Amino acid sequence: MALYEHVFIARPDISPAQMESLTEEIRSLVEEKGGKVGKTEYWGLRNLAYRVNKHRKGHYGLLDVNASADIVNELDRRQRLSDDVIRHMTVRVDEHQEGQSAILSKKDDRRRRDHRN
C-alpha cells in the first residue's frame, strides 16, 4: 500500500451537496477495495487557470488515500468516465501532510488579515 493525494475538479453547475456525494463515492470505492481514505477537503468553487471543457470555474476536492496501485487505477478509470468530473490527478507522496492543505491555510491567513484591518 502506498500513500497518494487525489485532487479532482467537478463541474461548476453541481451543488456542494453533489460534490460531497462525489467525495463519498470515492471514499466508498477505496474502502471497498481495501484501501483507506484519510483527510478529505473541499476547496470550494474556484476559477480555473484556463478553460476546461468550456468551463471557467470548478469545484475542487482533495483526498489523502492509502491504497494499492490497483485501487488507484480503478479510481482513475471511474473518474475518467464520470460526467461530473472535468479533471483529476493522483500523486504518490512519501507522507500525508498533517493539518490543512496549503490552499485552505492560505484562505485562513487572508481571513485573519482582513479581520485585523
N, C-alpha and C. Protein backbone atom coordinates (compact mmCIF):
# COMPACT_ATOMS: atom_id res chain seq x y z
N MET A 1 0.85 -1.17 0.00
CA MET A 1 0.00 0.00 0.00
C MET A 1 0.90 1.24 0.00
N ALA A 2 0.50 2.22 -0.80
CA ALA A 2 1.26 3.46 -0.90
C ALA A 2 0.36 4.64 -0.55
N LEU A 3 0.97 5.77 -0.30
CA LEU A 3 0.23 6.98 0.05
C LEU A 3 0.07 7.85 -1.19
N TYR A 4 -1.14 8.38 -1.39
CA TYR A 4 -1.46 9.22 -2.54
C TYR A 4 -2.27 10.42 -2.10
N GLU A 5 -2.17 11.49 -2.89
CA GLU A 5 -3.08 12.62 -2.79
C GLU A 5 -3.87 12.66 -4.09
N HIS A 6 -5.18 12.68 -3.98
CA HIS A 6 -6.05 12.69 -5.15
C HIS A 6 -6.81 14.01 -5.16
N VAL A 7 -6.62 14.81 -6.21
CA VAL A 7 -7.30 16.08 -6.37
C VAL A 7 -8.19 15.97 -7.60
N PHE A 8 -9.42 16.43 -7.48
CA PHE A 8 -10.31 16.40 -8.63
C PHE A 8 -11.10 17.70 -8.72
N ILE A 9 -11.50 18.04 -9.94
CA ILE A 9 -12.27 19.24 -10.21
C ILE A 9 -13.59 18.80 -10.83
N ALA A 10 -14.69 19.23 -10.23
CA ALA A 10 -16.01 18.89 -10.72
C ALA A 10 -16.62 20.10 -11.44
N ARG A 11 -17.61 19.84 -12.25
CA ARG A 11 -18.29 20.90 -13.00
C ARG A 11 -18.81 21.98 -12.05
N PRO A 12 -18.84 23.24 -12.52
CA PRO A 12 -19.30 24.32 -11.65
C PRO A 12 -20.81 24.34 -11.40
N ASP A 13 -21.58 23.66 -12.23
CA ASP A 13 -23.04 23.72 -12.09
C ASP A 13 -23.61 22.68 -11.13
N ILE A 14 -22.75 21.88 -10.49
CA ILE A 14 -23.26 20.96 -9.47
C ILE A 14 -23.29 21.68 -8.13
N SER A 15 -24.07 21.18 -7.22
CA SER A 15 -24.19 21.80 -5.89
C SER A 15 -23.09 21.26 -4.96
N PRO A 16 -22.81 21.98 -3.87
CA PRO A 16 -21.85 21.45 -2.90
C PRO A 16 -22.28 20.10 -2.32
N ALA A 17 -23.58 19.86 -2.22
CA ALA A 17 -24.06 18.56 -1.74
C ALA A 17 -23.69 17.45 -2.73
N GLN A 18 -23.81 17.73 -4.02
CA GLN A 18 -23.41 16.75 -5.02
C GLN A 18 -21.90 16.52 -4.99
N MET A 19 -21.15 17.58 -4.69
CA MET A 19 -19.70 17.45 -4.57
C MET A 19 -19.37 16.55 -3.38
N GLU A 20 -20.11 16.69 -2.31
CA GLU A 20 -19.91 15.84 -1.14
C GLU A 20 -20.22 14.38 -1.47
N SER A 21 -21.26 14.15 -2.27
CA SER A 21 -21.59 12.77 -2.64
C SER A 21 -20.52 12.18 -3.56
N LEU A 22 -19.91 13.00 -4.43
CA LEU A 22 -18.79 12.52 -5.25
C LEU A 22 -17.62 12.08 -4.36
N THR A 23 -17.34 12.88 -3.33
CA THR A 23 -16.28 12.54 -2.40
C THR A 23 -16.59 11.24 -1.67
N GLU A 24 -17.85 11.06 -1.27
CA GLU A 24 -18.24 9.83 -0.59
C GLU A 24 -18.17 8.62 -1.51
N GLU A 25 -18.47 8.80 -2.80
CA GLU A 25 -18.34 7.70 -3.76
C GLU A 25 -16.88 7.25 -3.85
N ILE A 26 -15.97 8.22 -3.89
CA ILE A 26 -14.55 7.89 -3.96
C ILE A 26 -14.13 7.16 -2.69
N ARG A 27 -14.57 7.69 -1.54
CA ARG A 27 -14.23 7.07 -0.25
C ARG A 27 -14.74 5.62 -0.20
N SER A 28 -15.98 5.40 -0.63
CA SER A 28 -16.53 4.05 -0.56
C SER A 28 -15.81 3.10 -1.53
N LEU A 29 -15.44 3.59 -2.71
CA LEU A 29 -14.69 2.76 -3.67
C LEU A 29 -13.36 2.32 -3.07
N VAL A 30 -12.63 3.25 -2.50
CA VAL A 30 -11.31 2.94 -1.95
C VAL A 30 -11.43 1.98 -0.78
N GLU A 31 -12.38 2.25 0.13
CA GLU A 31 -12.52 1.39 1.31
C GLU A 31 -13.08 0.02 0.97
N GLU A 32 -13.93 -0.04 -0.06
CA GLU A 32 -14.48 -1.32 -0.51
C GLU A 32 -13.39 -2.24 -1.05
N LYS A 33 -12.39 -1.65 -1.69
CA LYS A 33 -11.29 -2.43 -2.28
C LYS A 33 -10.17 -2.70 -1.29
N GLY A 34 -10.28 -2.20 -0.07
CA GLY A 34 -9.28 -2.49 0.95
C GLY A 34 -8.33 -1.36 1.26
N GLY A 35 -8.52 -0.18 0.68
CA GLY A 35 -7.68 0.97 0.97
C GLY A 35 -8.28 1.81 2.08
N LYS A 36 -7.61 2.91 2.39
CA LYS A 36 -8.09 3.82 3.43
C LYS A 36 -8.04 5.25 2.92
N VAL A 37 -9.04 6.04 3.30
CA VAL A 37 -9.06 7.46 2.97
C VAL A 37 -8.88 8.22 4.27
N GLY A 38 -7.88 9.08 4.31
CA GLY A 38 -7.63 9.89 5.49
C GLY A 38 -8.42 11.19 5.40
N LYS A 39 -7.71 12.27 5.31
CA LYS A 39 -8.29 13.60 5.26
C LYS A 39 -8.99 13.85 3.93
N THR A 40 -10.15 14.50 3.98
CA THR A 40 -10.83 14.98 2.77
C THR A 40 -11.06 16.47 2.94
N GLU A 41 -10.87 17.21 1.86
CA GLU A 41 -11.07 18.65 1.90
C GLU A 41 -11.88 19.09 0.69
N TYR A 42 -12.76 20.05 0.93
CA TYR A 42 -13.49 20.70 -0.14
C TYR A 42 -12.96 22.12 -0.23
N TRP A 43 -12.35 22.47 -1.36
CA TRP A 43 -11.73 23.77 -1.51
C TRP A 43 -12.69 24.82 -2.04
N GLY A 44 -13.87 24.42 -2.46
CA GLY A 44 -14.86 25.37 -2.92
C GLY A 44 -14.84 25.56 -4.43
N LEU A 45 -15.67 26.49 -4.87
CA LEU A 45 -15.77 26.83 -6.29
C LEU A 45 -14.67 27.85 -6.59
N ARG A 46 -13.74 27.47 -7.45
CA ARG A 46 -12.58 28.32 -7.75
C ARG A 46 -12.44 28.53 -9.24
N ASN A 47 -11.79 29.62 -9.61
CA ASN A 47 -11.50 29.90 -11.02
C ASN A 47 -10.43 28.95 -11.52
N LEU A 48 -10.58 28.51 -12.76
CA LEU A 48 -9.57 27.67 -13.40
C LEU A 48 -8.54 28.56 -14.09
N ALA A 49 -7.33 28.08 -14.25
CA ALA A 49 -6.28 28.85 -14.90
C ALA A 49 -6.57 29.03 -16.39
N TYR A 50 -7.27 28.06 -16.97
CA TYR A 50 -7.65 28.12 -18.37
C TYR A 50 -8.96 27.34 -18.53
N ARG A 51 -9.63 27.54 -19.64
CA ARG A 51 -10.90 26.85 -19.87
C ARG A 51 -10.68 25.35 -20.00
N VAL A 52 -11.56 24.60 -19.37
CA VAL A 52 -11.54 23.15 -19.46
C VAL A 52 -12.95 22.72 -19.84
N ASN A 53 -13.10 22.13 -21.00
CA ASN A 53 -14.41 21.71 -21.50
C ASN A 53 -15.44 22.84 -21.41
N LYS A 54 -15.03 24.04 -21.80
CA LYS A 54 -15.86 25.24 -21.82
C LYS A 54 -16.24 25.75 -20.43
N HIS A 55 -15.57 25.29 -19.40
CA HIS A 55 -15.84 25.75 -18.03
C HIS A 55 -14.72 26.69 -17.59
N ARG A 56 -15.10 27.76 -16.89
CA ARG A 56 -14.12 28.70 -16.34
C ARG A 56 -13.92 28.52 -14.85
N LYS A 57 -14.82 27.79 -14.19
CA LYS A 57 -14.74 27.53 -12.75
C LYS A 57 -14.95 26.06 -12.50
N GLY A 58 -14.63 25.63 -11.27
CA GLY A 58 -14.84 24.24 -10.90
C GLY A 58 -14.79 24.08 -9.40
N HIS A 59 -15.45 23.03 -8.92
CA HIS A 59 -15.41 22.66 -7.51
C HIS A 59 -14.19 21.77 -7.30
N TYR A 60 -13.33 22.14 -6.35
CA TYR A 60 -12.11 21.38 -6.08
C TYR A 60 -12.28 20.51 -4.84
N GLY A 61 -11.72 19.30 -4.91
CA GLY A 61 -11.72 18.40 -3.76
C GLY A 61 -10.39 17.69 -3.64
N LEU A 62 -9.98 17.38 -2.41
CA LEU A 62 -8.72 16.69 -2.14
C LEU A 62 -8.98 15.53 -1.19
N LEU A 63 -8.37 14.38 -1.48
CA LEU A 63 -8.45 13.22 -0.59
C LEU A 63 -7.05 12.66 -0.39
N ASP A 64 -6.72 12.34 0.86
CA ASP A 64 -5.50 11.60 1.17
C ASP A 64 -5.85 10.12 1.18
N VAL A 65 -5.18 9.34 0.33
CA VAL A 65 -5.54 7.94 0.14
C VAL A 65 -4.34 7.06 0.46
N ASN A 66 -4.61 5.95 1.14
CA ASN A 66 -3.62 4.92 1.39
C ASN A 66 -4.16 3.67 0.70
N ALA A 67 -3.60 3.34 -0.47
CA ALA A 67 -4.16 2.26 -1.29
C ALA A 67 -3.09 1.64 -2.17
N SER A 68 -3.46 0.52 -2.78
CA SER A 68 -2.56 -0.15 -3.72
C SER A 68 -2.74 0.47 -5.11
N ALA A 69 -1.85 0.10 -6.01
CA ALA A 69 -1.89 0.65 -7.37
C ALA A 69 -3.16 0.22 -8.10
N ASP A 70 -3.67 -0.98 -7.83
CA ASP A 70 -4.90 -1.45 -8.48
C ASP A 70 -6.08 -0.56 -8.12
N ILE A 71 -6.15 -0.16 -6.87
CA ILE A 71 -7.25 0.71 -6.42
C ILE A 71 -7.14 2.07 -7.08
N VAL A 72 -5.92 2.60 -7.18
CA VAL A 72 -5.72 3.91 -7.81
C VAL A 72 -6.07 3.84 -9.30
N ASN A 73 -5.74 2.74 -9.96
CA ASN A 73 -6.10 2.58 -11.37
C ASN A 73 -7.61 2.54 -11.55
N GLU A 74 -8.32 1.85 -10.66
CA GLU A 74 -9.78 1.80 -10.74
C GLU A 74 -10.38 3.18 -10.46
N LEU A 75 -9.82 3.90 -9.51
CA LEU A 75 -10.27 5.26 -9.21
C LEU A 75 -10.08 6.16 -10.42
N ASP A 76 -8.93 6.06 -11.07
CA ASP A 76 -8.65 6.84 -12.28
C ASP A 76 -9.65 6.50 -13.38
N ARG A 77 -9.94 5.23 -13.57
CA ARG A 77 -10.88 4.81 -14.61
C ARG A 77 -12.27 5.39 -14.35
N ARG A 78 -12.73 5.32 -13.11
CA ARG A 78 -14.07 5.83 -12.79
C ARG A 78 -14.15 7.35 -12.90
N GLN A 79 -13.07 8.03 -12.57
CA GLN A 79 -13.07 9.49 -12.68
C GLN A 79 -13.11 9.91 -14.16
N ARG A 80 -12.43 9.16 -15.01
CA ARG A 80 -12.46 9.46 -16.45
C ARG A 80 -13.86 9.27 -17.02
N LEU A 81 -14.61 8.29 -16.51
CA LEU A 81 -15.95 8.00 -17.02
C LEU A 81 -17.02 8.93 -16.45
N SER A 82 -16.74 9.57 -15.34
CA SER A 82 -17.73 10.42 -14.67
C SER A 82 -17.99 11.69 -15.49
N ASP A 83 -19.27 12.02 -15.65
CA ASP A 83 -19.64 13.25 -16.36
C ASP A 83 -19.43 14.48 -15.50
N ASP A 84 -19.45 14.33 -14.18
CA ASP A 84 -19.31 15.48 -13.29
C ASP A 84 -17.87 15.92 -13.09
N VAL A 85 -16.91 15.03 -13.27
CA VAL A 85 -15.50 15.35 -13.05
C VAL A 85 -14.89 15.83 -14.36
N ILE A 86 -14.30 17.05 -14.33
CA ILE A 86 -13.70 17.57 -15.56
C ILE A 86 -12.18 17.37 -15.58
N ARG A 87 -11.54 17.27 -14.41
CA ARG A 87 -10.11 16.96 -14.32
C ARG A 87 -9.84 16.24 -13.00
N HIS A 88 -8.83 15.39 -13.00
CA HIS A 88 -8.40 14.74 -11.76
C HIS A 88 -6.92 14.39 -11.87
N MET A 89 -6.29 14.26 -10.71
CA MET A 89 -4.88 13.90 -10.68
C MET A 89 -4.58 13.19 -9.37
N THR A 90 -3.85 12.10 -9.45
CA THR A 90 -3.43 11.36 -8.28
C THR A 90 -1.91 11.34 -8.25
N VAL A 91 -1.35 11.77 -7.13
CA VAL A 91 0.10 11.88 -6.99
C VAL A 91 0.54 11.04 -5.80
N ARG A 92 1.59 10.26 -5.98
CA ARG A 92 2.14 9.47 -4.88
C ARG A 92 3.01 10.38 -4.02
N VAL A 93 2.84 10.27 -2.70
CA VAL A 93 3.60 11.10 -1.77
C VAL A 93 4.32 10.20 -0.75
N ASP A 94 5.36 10.73 -0.13
CA ASP A 94 6.09 9.98 0.89
C ASP A 94 5.31 9.92 2.20
N GLU A 95 4.64 11.03 2.53
CA GLU A 95 3.81 11.05 3.74
C GLU A 95 2.71 12.08 3.55
N HIS A 96 1.60 11.85 4.24
CA HIS A 96 0.49 12.79 4.16
C HIS A 96 0.78 14.00 5.05
N GLN A 97 0.35 15.15 4.57
CA GLN A 97 0.56 16.39 5.31
C GLN A 97 -0.42 16.46 6.49
N GLU A 98 0.08 16.83 7.64
CA GLU A 98 -0.77 16.99 8.81
C GLU A 98 -1.48 18.34 8.73
N GLY A 99 -2.68 18.40 9.26
CA GLY A 99 -3.42 19.67 9.27
C GLY A 99 -4.01 19.98 7.91
N GLN A 100 -4.30 21.26 7.72
CA GLN A 100 -4.92 21.70 6.47
C GLN A 100 -3.89 21.76 5.35
N SER A 101 -4.41 21.69 4.12
CA SER A 101 -3.55 21.83 2.96
C SER A 101 -3.17 23.30 2.80
N ALA A 102 -2.25 23.57 1.90
CA ALA A 102 -1.79 24.94 1.67
C ALA A 102 -2.93 25.83 1.16
N ILE A 103 -3.83 25.29 0.38
CA ILE A 103 -4.94 26.06 -0.17
C ILE A 103 -5.84 26.57 0.96
N LEU A 104 -6.24 25.71 1.87
CA LEU A 104 -7.12 26.12 2.95
C LEU A 104 -6.42 27.00 3.96
N SER A 105 -5.16 26.74 4.23
CA SER A 105 -4.45 27.58 5.20
C SER A 105 -4.23 28.99 4.63
N LYS A 106 -4.08 29.12 3.32
CA LYS A 106 -3.95 30.43 2.70
C LYS A 106 -5.24 31.22 2.85
N LYS A 107 -6.40 30.54 2.70
CA LYS A 107 -7.68 31.20 2.90
C LYS A 107 -7.82 31.71 4.32
N ASP A 108 -7.40 30.90 5.29
CA ASP A 108 -7.48 31.30 6.70
C ASP A 108 -6.59 32.49 6.98
N ASP A 109 -5.39 32.52 6.38
CA ASP A 109 -4.49 33.66 6.59
C ASP A 109 -5.11 34.94 6.06
N ARG A 110 -5.76 34.88 4.92
CA ARG A 110 -6.42 36.06 4.35
C ARG A 110 -7.53 36.55 5.27
N ARG A 111 -8.31 35.61 5.80
CA ARG A 111 -9.40 35.99 6.70
C ARG A 111 -8.86 36.66 7.96
N ARG A 112 -7.78 36.15 8.50
CA ARG A 112 -7.19 36.76 9.71
C ARG A 112 -6.69 38.16 9.43
N ARG A 113 -6.05 38.37 8.27
CA ARG A 113 -5.56 39.70 7.92
C ARG A 113 -6.71 40.68 7.73
N ASP A 114 -7.81 40.22 7.10
CA ASP A 114 -8.95 41.09 6.87
C ASP A 114 -9.60 41.52 8.18
N HIS A 115 -9.62 40.66 9.17
CA HIS A 115 -10.24 40.98 10.45
C HIS A 115 -9.40 41.96 11.26
N ARG A 116 -8.08 41.97 11.05
CA ARG A 116 -7.22 42.89 11.78
C ARG A 116 -7.36 44.31 11.28
N ASN A 117 -7.62 44.51 10.01
CA ASN A 117 -7.70 45.86 9.45
C ASN A 117 -9.03 46.50 9.69
